[in-house]
Amino acid sequence: MIYRRVITVEAQADILEIKQWYDDCQPGLGKRFWGAVTHMLDLLQERPLAYPVDSESDSPDIRKARIKRFPYFILYRVKGDEVTILSVVHGHRQRGPQWRS
């Protein structure tokens, strides 16, 4: 089953901001980040339950998937046949209170 993908405005902004940051660091690195993100988004549509629940969240329905080769996670929810991408967060930075519930 292929799940329907919904990307929140916040997640879109996160992805574009991180991509730009990598491009500013090294030409072409943003493109590699973009490729890694789109690959993970495709995997989430195919097997969203294969990734763990986010232990830093009080909500049992928020899951996280690590983006390969980059220190970022995609936070998302699965409901019915839909995967909602909530945010893209750095793996070593503390998250705000919105992810606690």
PDB file of N, CA and C in Angstrom:
ATOM      1  N   MET A   1       0.830  -1.185   0.000  1.00  0.00           N
ATOM      2  CA  MET A   1       0.000   0.000   0.000  1.00  0.00           C
ATOM      3  C   MET A   1       0.873   1.246   0.000  1.00  0.00           C
ATOM      4  N   ILE A   2       0.559   2.185  -0.846  1.00  0.00           N
ATOM      5  CA  ILE A   2       1.259   3.469  -0.864  1.00  0.00           C
ATOM      6  C   ILE A   2       0.384   4.475  -0.126  1.00  0.00           C
ATOM      7  N   TYR A   3       0.948   5.069   0.919  1.00  0.00           N
ATOM      8  CA  TYR A   3       0.238   6.053   1.716  1.00  0.00           C
ATOM      9  C   TYR A   3       0.259   7.403   1.008  1.00  0.00           C
ATOM     10  N   ARG A   4      -0.795   8.167   1.224  1.00  0.00           N
ATOM     11  CA  ARG A   4      -0.859   9.524   0.684  1.00  0.00           C
ATOM     12  C   ARG A   4       0.029  10.411   1.549  1.00  0.00           C
ATOM     13  N   ARG A   5       0.805  11.287   0.913  1.00  0.00           N
ATOM     14  CA  ARG A   5       1.742  12.135   1.645  1.00  0.00           C
ATOM     15  C   ARG A   5       1.218  13.567   1.711  1.00  0.00           C
ATOM     16  N   VAL A   6       1.231  14.114   2.919  1.00  0.00           N
ATOM     17  CA  VAL A   6       0.878  15.507   3.155  1.00  0.00           C
ATOM     18  C   VAL A   6       2.077  16.140   3.856  1.00  0.00           C
ATOM     19  N   ILE A   7       2.552  17.255   3.321  1.00  0.00           N
ATOM     20  CA  ILE A   7       3.686  17.950   3.933  1.00  0.00           C
ATOM     21  C   ILE A   7       3.183  19.290   4.449  1.00  0.00           C
ATOM     22  N   THR A   8       3.317  19.528   5.751  1.00  0.00           N
ATOM     23  CA  THR A   8       2.865  20.788   6.331  1.00  0.00           C
ATOM     24  C   THR A   8       3.726  21.944   5.822  1.00  0.00           C
ATOM     25  N   VAL A   9       3.182  23.136   5.940  1.00  0.00           N
ATOM     26  CA  VAL A   9       3.914  24.340   5.549  1.00  0.00           C
ATOM     27  C   VAL A   9       5.200  24.453   6.367  1.00  0.00           C
ATOM     28  N   GLU A  10       5.122  24.092   7.638  1.00  0.00           N
ATOM     29  CA  GLU A  10       6.298  24.163   8.516  1.00  0.00           C
ATOM     30  C   GLU A  10       7.395  23.215   8.040  1.00  0.00           C
ATOM     31  N   ALA A  11       7.009  22.004   7.657  1.00  0.00           N
ATOM     32  CA  ALA A  11       7.995  21.038   7.176  1.00  0.00           C
ATOM     33  C   ALA A  11       8.608  21.499   5.856  1.00  0.00           C
ATOM     34  N   GLN A  12       7.794  22.059   4.969  1.00  0.00           N
ATOM     35  CA  GLN A  12       8.320  22.584   3.708  1.00  0.00           C
ATOM     36  C   GLN A  12       9.349  23.676   3.968  1.00  0.00           C
ATOM     37  N   ALA A  13       9.028  24.567   4.906  1.00  0.00           N
ATOM     38  CA  ALA A  13       9.955  25.644   5.256  1.00  0.00           C
ATOM     39  C   ALA A  13      11.247  25.083   5.851  1.00  0.00           C
ATOM     40  N   ASP A  14      11.122  24.075   6.716  1.00  0.00           N
ATOM     41  CA  ASP A  14      12.311  23.449   7.305  1.00  0.00           C
ATOM     42  C   ASP A  14      13.224  22.902   6.219  1.00  0.00           C
ATOM     43  N   ILE A  15      12.648  22.166   5.291  1.00  0.00           N
ATOM     44  CA  ILE A  15      13.430  21.523   4.228  1.00  0.00           C
ATOM     45  C   ILE A  15      14.143  22.564   3.383  1.00  0.00           C
ATOM     46  N   LEU A  16      13.427  23.599   2.980  1.00  0.00           N
ATOM     47  CA  LEU A  16      14.032  24.636   2.132  1.00  0.00           C
ATOM     48  C   LEU A  16      15.113  25.416   2.870  1.00  0.00           C
ATOM     49  N   GLU A  17      14.894  25.688   4.146  1.00  0.00           N
ATOM     50  CA  GLU A  17      15.892  26.408   4.942  1.00  0.00           C
ATOM     51  C   GLU A  17      17.171  25.579   5.101  1.00  0.00           C
ATOM     52  N   ILE A  18      17.015  24.307   5.401  1.00  0.00           N
ATOM     53  CA  ILE A  18      18.180  23.434   5.575  1.00  0.00           C
ATOM     54  C   ILE A  18      18.918  23.268   4.246  1.00  0.00           C
ATOM     55  N   LYS A  19      18.176  23.077   3.171  1.00  0.00           N
ATOM     56  CA  LYS A  19      18.791  22.955   1.841  1.00  0.00           C
ATOM     57  C   LYS A  19      19.620  24.197   1.522  1.00  0.00           C
ATOM     58  N   GLN A  20      19.048  25.368   1.791  1.00  0.00           N
ATOM     59  CA  GLN A  20      19.770  26.615   1.527  1.00  0.00           C
ATOM     60  C   GLN A  20      21.027  26.714   2.379  1.00  0.00           C
ATOM     61  N   TRP A  21      20.926  26.306   3.644  1.00  0.00           N
ATOM     62  CA  TRP A  21      22.089  26.351   4.528  1.00  0.00           C
ATOM     63  C   TRP A  21      23.211  25.474   3.975  1.00  0.00           C
ATOM     64  N   TYR A  22      22.864  24.254   3.532  1.00  0.00           N
ATOM     65  CA  TYR A  22      23.877  23.367   2.958  1.00  0.00           C
ATOM     66  C   TYR A  22      24.455  23.936   1.668  1.00  0.00           C
ATOM     67  N   ASP A  23      23.627  24.535   0.832  1.00  0.00           N
ATOM     68  CA  ASP A  23      24.129  25.170  -0.395  1.00  0.00           C
ATOM     69  C   ASP A  23      25.098  26.299  -0.074  1.00  0.00           C
ATOM     70  N   ASP A  24      24.802  27.058   0.979  1.00  0.00           N
ATOM     71  CA  ASP A  24      25.696  28.147   1.384  1.00  0.00           C
ATOM     72  C   ASP A  24      27.024  27.613   1.903  1.00  0.00           C
ATOM     73  N   CYS A  25      26.992  26.437   2.523  1.00  0.00           N
ATOM     74  CA  CYS A  25      28.218  25.825   3.051  1.00  0.00           C
ATOM     75  C   CYS A  25      29.105  25.283   1.940  1.00  0.00           C
ATOM     76  N   GLN A  26      28.474  24.620   0.986  1.00  0.00           N
ATOM     77  CA  GLN A  26      29.231  23.982  -0.100  1.00  0.00           C
ATOM     78  C   GLN A  26      28.301  23.804  -1.301  1.00  0.00           C
ATOM     79  N   PRO A  27      28.690  24.344  -2.437  1.00  0.00           N
ATOM     80  CA  PRO A  27      27.842  24.192  -3.629  1.00  0.00           C
ATOM     81  C   PRO A  27      27.567  22.706  -3.916  1.00  0.00           C
ATOM     82  N   GLY A  28      26.305  22.404  -4.170  1.00  0.00           N
ATOM     83  CA  GLY A  28      25.906  21.032  -4.480  1.00  0.00           C
ATOM     84  C   GLY A  28      25.478  20.220  -3.276  1.00  0.00           C
ATOM     85  N   LEU A  29      25.848  20.657  -2.072  1.00  0.00           N
ATOM     86  CA  LEU A  29      25.488  19.896  -0.871  1.00  0.00           C
ATOM     87  C   LEU A  29      23.982  19.984  -0.607  1.00  0.00           C
ATOM     88  N   GLY A  30      23.395  21.125  -0.899  1.00  0.00           N
ATOM     89  CA  GLY A  30      21.956  21.273  -0.745  1.00  0.00           C
ATOM     90  C   GLY A  30      21.198  20.324  -1.658  1.00  0.00           C
ATOM     91  N   LYS A  31      21.712  20.134  -2.854  1.00  0.00           N
ATOM     92  CA  LYS A  31      21.079  19.204  -3.793  1.00  0.00           C
ATOM     93  C   LYS A  31      21.151  17.770  -3.258  1.00  0.00           C
ATOM     94  N   ARG A  32      22.280  17.416  -2.644  1.00  0.00           N
ATOM     95  CA  ARG A  32      22.394  16.079  -2.048  1.00  0.00           C
ATOM     96  C   ARG A  32      21.443  15.912  -0.870  1.00  0.00           C
ATOM     97  N   PHE A  33      21.299  16.979  -0.072  1.00  0.00           N
ATOM     98  CA  PHE A  33      20.342  16.935   1.034  1.00  0.00           C
ATOM     99  C   PHE A  33      18.926  16.751   0.480  1.00  0.00           C
ATOM    100  N   TRP A  34      18.582  17.512  -0.536  1.00  0.00           N
ATOM    101  CA  TRP A  34      17.262  17.409  -1.167  1.00  0.00           C
ATOM    102  C   TRP A  34      17.001  15.974  -1.650  1.00  0.00           C
ATOM    103  N   GLY A  35      17.984  15.372  -2.272  1.00  0.00           N
ATOM    104  CA  GLY A  35      17.850  13.998  -2.747  1.00  0.00           C
ATOM    105  C   GLY A  35      17.625  13.015  -1.609  1.00  0.00           C
ATOM    106  N   ALA A  36      18.351  13.211  -0.507  1.00  0.00           N
ATOM    107  CA  ALA A  36      18.189  12.326   0.651  1.00  0.00           C
ATOM    108  C   ALA A  36      16.808  12.495   1.279  1.00  0.00           C
ATOM    109  N   VAL A  37      16.317  13.722   1.325  1.00  0.00           N
ATOM    110  CA  VAL A  37      14.980  13.981   1.881  1.00  0.00           C
ATOM    111  C   VAL A  37      13.909  13.339   1.004  1.00  0.00           C
ATOM    112  N   THR A  38      13.987  13.556  -0.296  1.00  0.00           N
ATOM    113  CA  THR A  38      12.951  12.997  -1.176  1.00  0.00           C
ATOM    114  C   THR A  38      12.983  11.470  -1.146  1.00  0.00           C
ATOM    115  N   HIS A  39      14.158  10.889  -1.027  1.00  0.00           N
ATOM    116  CA  HIS A  39      14.257   9.435  -0.917  1.00  0.00           C
ATOM    117  C   HIS A  39      13.548   8.945   0.355  1.00  0.00           C
ATOM    118  N   MET A  40      13.796   9.625   1.479  1.00  0.00           N
ATOM    119  CA  MET A  40      13.155   9.231   2.731  1.00  0.00           C
ATOM    120  C   MET A  40      11.647   9.451   2.665  1.00  0.00           C
ATOM    121  N   LEU A  41      11.202  10.519   2.042  1.00  0.00           N
ATOM    122  CA  LEU A  41       9.764  10.754   1.907  1.00  0.00           C
ATOM    123  C   LEU A  41       9.107   9.644   1.090  1.00  0.00           C
ATOM    124  N   ASP A  42       9.797   9.186   0.054  1.00  0.00           N
ATOM    125  CA  ASP A  42       9.274   8.059  -0.729  1.00  0.00           C
ATOM    126  C   ASP A  42       9.177   6.791   0.124  1.00  0.00           C
ATOM    127  N   LEU A  43      10.197   6.539   0.941  1.00  0.00           N
ATOM    128  CA  LEU A  43      10.172   5.366   1.819  1.00  0.00           C
ATOM    129  C   LEU A  43       9.037   5.457   2.838  1.00  0.00           C
ATOM    130  N   LEU A  44       8.795   6.655   3.342  1.00  0.00           N
ATOM    131  CA  LEU A  44       7.720   6.832   4.316  1.00  0.00           C
ATOM    132  C   LEU A  44       6.356   6.557   3.703  1.00  0.00           C
ATOM    133  N   GLN A  45       6.202   6.843   2.433  1.00  0.00           N
ATOM    134  CA  GLN A  45       4.937   6.536   1.771  1.00  0.00           C
ATOM    135  C   GLN A  45       4.736   5.031   1.627  1.00  0.00           C
ATOM    136  N   GLU A  46       5.826   4.303   1.511  1.00  0.00           N
ATOM    137  CA  GLU A  46       5.742   2.856   1.331  1.00  0.00           C
ATOM    138  C   GLU A  46       5.636   2.106   2.658  1.00  0.00           C
ATOM    139  N   ARG A  47       6.433   2.530   3.666  1.00  0.00           N
ATOM    140  CA  ARG A  47       6.495   1.801   4.943  1.00  0.00           C
ATOM    141  C   ARG A  47       6.601   2.762   6.135  1.00  0.00           C
ATOM    142  N   PRO A  48       5.588   3.554   6.367  1.00  0.00           N
ATOM    143  CA  PRO A  48       5.700   4.541   7.444  1.00  0.00           C
ATOM    144  C   PRO A  48       5.789   3.942   8.846  1.00  0.00           C
ATOM    145  N   LEU A  49       5.273   2.750   9.035  1.00  0.00           N
ATOM    146  CA  LEU A  49       5.303   2.141  10.365  1.00  0.00           C
ATOM    147  C   LEU A  49       6.622   1.441  10.663  1.00  0.00           C
ATOM    148  N   ALA A  50       7.538   1.455   9.712  1.00  0.00           N
ATOM    149  CA  ALA A  50       8.846   0.819   9.903  1.00  0.00           C
ATOM    150  C   ALA A  50       9.780   1.659  10.774  1.00  0.00           C
ATOM    151  N   TYR A  51       9.396   2.905  11.034  1.00  0.00           N
ATOM    152  CA  TYR A  51      10.264   3.798  11.790  1.00  0.00           C
ATOM    153  C   TYR A  51       9.689   4.014  13.186  1.00  0.00           C
ATOM    154  N   PRO A  52      10.545   4.286  14.166  1.00  0.00           N
ATOM    155  CA  PRO A  52      10.099   4.296  15.561  1.00  0.00           C
ATOM    156  C   PRO A  52       9.269   5.518  15.943  1.00  0.00           C
ATOM    157  N   VAL A  53       8.527   5.327  17.021  1.00  0.00           N
ATOM    158  CA  VAL A  53       7.854   6.448  17.665  1.00  0.00           C
ATOM    159  C   VAL A  53       8.931   7.335  18.265  1.00  0.00           C
ATOM    160  N   ASP A  54       8.715   8.645  18.200  1.00  0.00           N
ATOM    161  CA  ASP A  54       9.688   9.602  18.727  1.00  0.00           C
ATOM    162  C   ASP A  54       9.629   9.612  20.246  1.00  0.00           C
ATOM    163  N   SER A  55      10.681   9.150  20.882  1.00  0.00           N
ATOM    164  CA  SER A  55      10.714   9.049  22.349  1.00  0.00           C
ATOM    165  C   SER A  55      10.754  10.418  23.023  1.00  0.00           C
ATOM    166  N   GLU A  56      11.094  11.458  22.291  1.00  0.00           N
ATOM    167  CA  GLU A  56      11.132  12.807  22.874  1.00  0.00           C
ATOM    168  C   GLU A  56       9.764  13.472  22.874  1.00  0.00           C
ATOM    169  N   SER A  57       8.789  12.857  22.270  1.00  0.00           N
ATOM    170  CA  SER A  57       7.440  13.410  22.209  1.00  0.00           C
ATOM    171  C   SER A  57       6.550  12.671  23.197  1.00  0.00           C
ATOM    172  N   ASP A  58       5.638  13.405  23.808  1.00  0.00           N
ATOM    173  CA  ASP A  58       4.655  12.775  24.691  1.00  0.00           C
ATOM    174  C   ASP A  58       3.535  12.134  23.892  1.00  0.00           C
ATOM    175  N   SER A  59       3.478  12.429  22.613  1.00  0.00           N
ATOM    176  CA  SER A  59       2.427  11.881  21.760  1.00  0.00           C
ATOM    177  C   SER A  59       2.882  10.544  21.175  1.00  0.00           C
ATOM    178  N   PRO A  60       2.101   9.488  21.381  1.00  0.00           N
ATOM    179  CA  PRO A  60       2.512   8.171  20.891  1.00  0.00           C
ATOM    180  C   PRO A  60       2.357   7.988  19.384  1.00  0.00           C
ATOM    181  N   ASP A  61       1.838   9.002  18.700  1.00  0.00           N
ATOM    182  CA  ASP A  61       1.644   8.840  17.259  1.00  0.00           C
ATOM    183  C   ASP A  61       2.642   9.624  16.416  1.00  0.00           C
ATOM    184  N   ILE A  62       3.591  10.316  17.046  1.00  0.00           N
ATOM    185  CA  ILE A  62       4.630  11.017  16.286  1.00  0.00           C
ATOM    186  C   ILE A  62       5.806  10.076  16.122  1.00  0.00           C
ATOM    187  N   ARG A  63       6.187   9.868  14.892  1.00  0.00           N
ATOM    188  CA  ARG A  63       7.305   8.984  14.557  1.00  0.00           C
ATOM    189  C   ARG A  63       8.438   9.815  13.977  1.00  0.00           C
ATOM    190  N   LYS A  64       9.618   9.184  13.905  1.00  0.00           N
ATOM    191  CA  LYS A  64      10.757   9.894  13.320  1.00  0.00           C
ATOM    192  C   LYS A  64      11.555   8.952  12.433  1.00  0.00           C
ATOM    193  N   ALA A  65      12.075   9.524  11.374  1.00  0.00           N
ATOM    194  CA  ALA A  65      12.911   8.773  10.444  1.00  0.00           C
ATOM    195  C   ALA A  65      14.154   9.610  10.166  1.00  0.00           C
ATOM    196  N   ARG A  66      15.303   9.009  10.333  1.00  0.00           N
ATOM    197  CA  ARG A  66      16.575   9.714  10.106  1.00  0.00           C
ATOM    198  C   ARG A  66      16.852   9.820   8.614  1.00  0.00           C
ATOM    199  N   ILE A  67      17.291  11.004   8.210  1.00  0.00           N
ATOM    200  CA  ILE A  67      17.673  11.239   6.824  1.00  0.00           C
ATOM    201  C   ILE A  67      19.111  10.752   6.655  1.00  0.00           C
ATOM    202  N   LYS A  68      19.316   9.832   5.750  1.00  0.00           N
ATOM    203  CA  LYS A  68      20.645   9.236   5.571  1.00  0.00           C
ATOM    204  C   LYS A  68      21.679  10.286   5.179  1.00  0.00           C
ATOM    205  N   ARG A  69      22.847  10.147   5.802  1.00  0.00           N
ATOM    206  CA  ARG A  69      24.023  10.983   5.568  1.00  0.00           C
ATOM    207  C   ARG A  69      23.908  12.412   6.086  1.00  0.00           C
ATOM    208  N   PHE A  70      22.813  12.733   6.764  1.00  0.00           N
ATOM    209  CA  PHE A  70      22.633  14.068   7.326  1.00  0.00           C
ATOM    210  C   PHE A  70      22.085  13.925   8.746  1.00  0.00           C
ATOM    211  N   PRO A  71      22.427  14.864   9.644  1.00  0.00           N
ATOM    212  CA  PRO A  71      22.013  14.726  11.049  1.00  0.00           C
ATOM    213  C   PRO A  71      20.601  15.250  11.318  1.00  0.00           C
ATOM    214  N   TYR A  72      19.676  14.921  10.447  1.00  0.00           N
ATOM    215  CA  TYR A  72      18.294  15.408  10.564  1.00  0.00           C
ATOM    216  C   TYR A  72      17.302  14.251  10.588  1.00  0.00           C
ATOM    217  N   PHE A  73      16.175  14.518  11.247  1.00  0.00           N
ATOM    218  CA  PHE A  73      15.074  13.570  11.314  1.00  0.00           C
ATOM    219  C   PHE A  73      13.823  14.200  10.730  1.00  0.00           C
ATOM    220  N   ILE A  74      13.008  13.382  10.110  1.00  0.00           N
ATOM    221  CA  ILE A  74      11.684  13.795   9.680  1.00  0.00           C
ATOM    222  C   ILE A  74      10.711  13.325  10.761  1.00  0.00           C
ATOM    223  N   LEU A  75       9.932  14.249  11.292  1.00  0.00           N
ATOM    224  CA  LEU A  75       8.892  13.918  12.258  1.00  0.00           C
ATOM    225  C   LEU A  75       7.568  13.858  11.511  1.00  0.00           C
ATOM    226  N   TYR A  76       6.792  12.806  11.775  1.00  0.00           N
ATOM    227  CA  TYR A  76       5.569  12.607  11.002  1.00  0.00           C
ATOM    228  C   TYR A  76       4.544  11.814  11.791  1.00  0.00           C
ATOM    229  N   ARG A  77       3.311  11.834  11.280  1.00  0.00           N
ATOM    230  CA  ARG A  77       2.204  11.047  11.849  1.00  0.00           C
ATOM    231  C   ARG A  77       1.602  10.185  10.758  1.00  0.00           C
ATOM    232  N   VAL A  78       1.095   9.042  11.160  1.00  0.00           N
ATOM    233  CA  VAL A  78       0.374   8.153  10.242  1.00  0.00           C
ATOM    234  C   VAL A  78      -1.054   8.054  10.760  1.00  0.00           C
ATOM    235  N   LYS A  79      -1.997   8.343   9.884  1.00  0.00           N
ATOM    236  CA  LYS A  79      -3.404   8.213  10.250  1.00  0.00           C
ATOM    237  C   LYS A  79      -4.145   7.683   9.032  1.00  0.00           C
ATOM    238  N   GLY A  80      -4.716   6.500   9.188  1.00  0.00           N
ATOM    239  CA  GLY A  80      -5.400   5.881   8.056  1.00  0.00           C
ATOM    240  C   GLY A  80      -4.414   5.606   6.936  1.00  0.00           C
ATOM    241  N   ASP A  81      -4.708   6.127   5.757  1.00  0.00           N
ATOM    242  CA  ASP A  81      -3.821   5.922   4.604  1.00  0.00           C
ATOM    243  C   ASP A  81      -2.984   7.165   4.301  1.00  0.00           C
ATOM    244  N   GLU A  82      -2.787   8.002   5.335  1.00  0.00           N
ATOM    245  CA  GLU A  82      -2.095   9.278   5.129  1.00  0.00           C
ATOM    246  C   GLU A  82      -0.876   9.406   6.039  1.00  0.00           C
ATOM    247  N   VAL A  83       0.206   9.903   5.466  1.00  0.00           N
ATOM    248  CA  VAL A  83       1.419  10.235   6.220  1.00  0.00           C
ATOM    249  C   VAL A  83       1.536  11.753   6.194  1.00  0.00           C
ATOM    250  N   THR A  84       1.523  12.367   7.363  1.00  0.00           N
ATOM    251  CA  THR A  84       1.650  13.816   7.455  1.00  0.00           C
ATOM    252  C   THR A  84       3.036  14.158   7.968  1.00  0.00           C
ATOM    253  N   ILE A  85       3.799  14.858   7.148  1.00  0.00           N
ATOM    254  CA  ILE A  85       5.150  15.290   7.512  1.00  0.00           C
ATOM    255  C   ILE A  85       4.998  16.567   8.329  1.00  0.00           C
ATOM    256  N   LEU A  86       5.446  16.526   9.579  1.00  0.00           N
ATOM    257  CA  LEU A  86       5.249  17.641  10.503  1.00  0.00           C
ATOM    258  C   LEU A  86       6.413  18.614  10.517  1.00  0.00           C
ATOM    259  N   SER A  87       7.629  18.078  10.489  1.00  0.00           N
ATOM    260  CA  SER A  87       8.802  18.923  10.647  1.00  0.00           C
ATOM    261  C   SER A  87      10.055  18.151  10.280  1.00  0.00           C
ATOM    262  N   VAL A  88      11.118  18.887  10.051  1.00  0.00           N
ATOM    263  CA  VAL A  88      12.450  18.293   9.880  1.00  0.00           C
ATOM    264  C   VAL A  88      13.328  18.953  10.931  1.00  0.00           C
ATOM    265  N   VAL A  89      13.906  18.138  11.810  1.00  0.00           N
ATOM    266  CA  VAL A  89      14.652  18.664  12.950  1.00  0.00           C
ATOM    267  C   VAL A  89      16.066  18.092  12.986  1.00  0.00           C
ATOM    268  N   HIS A  90      16.962  18.898  13.529  1.00  0.00           N
ATOM    269  CA  HIS A  90      18.346  18.466  13.712  1.00  0.00           C
ATOM    270  C   HIS A  90      18.392  17.458  14.849  1.00  0.00           C
ATOM    271  N   GLY A  91      19.142  16.417  14.676  1.00  0.00           N
ATOM    272  CA  GLY A  91      19.211  15.351  15.670  1.00  0.00           C
ATOM    273  C   GLY A  91      19.909  15.708  16.952  1.00  0.00           C
ATOM    274  N   HIS A  92      20.665  16.810  16.976  1.00  0.00           N
ATOM    275  CA  HIS A  92      21.434  17.159  18.170  1.00  0.00           C
ATOM    276  C   HIS A  92      20.967  18.452  18.812  1.00  0.00           C
ATOM    277  N   ARG A  93      19.835  18.976  18.363  1.00  0.00           N
ATOM    278  CA  ARG A  93      19.328  20.206  18.951  1.00  0.00           C
ATOM    279  C   ARG A  93      18.056  19.914  19.723  1.00  0.00           C
ATOM    280  N   GLN A  94      17.874  20.651  20.811  1.00  0.00           N
ATOM    281  CA  GLN A  94      16.672  20.477  21.620  1.00  0.00           C
ATOM    282  C   GLN A  94      15.479  21.046  20.861  1.00  0.00           C
ATOM    283  N   ARG A  95      14.374  20.324  20.908  1.00  0.00           N
ATOM    284  CA  ARG A  95      13.159  20.757  20.214  1.00  0.00           C
ATOM    285  C   ARG A  95      12.302  21.617  21.123  1.00  0.00           C
ATOM    286  N   GLY A  96      11.482  22.416  20.501  1.00  0.00           N
ATOM    287  CA  GLY A  96      10.560  23.279  21.230  1.00  0.00           C
ATOM    288  C   GLY A  96       9.435  22.491  21.869  1.00  0.00           C
ATOM    289  N   PRO A  97       8.638  23.167  22.699  1.00  0.00           N
ATOM    290  CA  PRO A  97       7.573  22.494  23.443  1.00  0.00           C
ATOM    291  C   PRO A  97       6.444  21.960  22.561  1.00  0.00           C
ATOM    292  N   GLN A  98       6.319  22.423  21.325  1.00  0.00           N
ATOM    293  CA  GLN A  98       5.233  21.933  20.459  1.00  0.00           C
ATOM    294  C   GLN A  98       5.365  20.449  20.175  1.00  0.00           C
ATOM    295  N   TRP A  99       6.535  19.840  20.351  1.00  0.00           N
ATOM    296  CA  TRP A  99       6.712  18.410  20.077  1.00  0.00           C
ATOM    297  C   TRP A  99       6.550  17.579  21.332  1.00  0.00           C
ATOM    298  N   ARG A 100       6.195  18.177  22.435  1.00  0.00           N
ATOM    299  CA  ARG A 100       6.019  17.440  23.677  1.00  0.00           C
ATOM    300  C   ARG A 100       4.616  16.863  23.818  1.00  0.00           C
ATOM    301  N   SER A 101       3.710  17.279  22.985  1.00  0.00           N
ATOM    302  CA  SER A 101       2.340  16.746  23.096  1.00  0.00           C
ATOM    303  C   SER A 101       1.811  16.244  21.780  1.00  0.00           C
TER     304      SER A 101
END
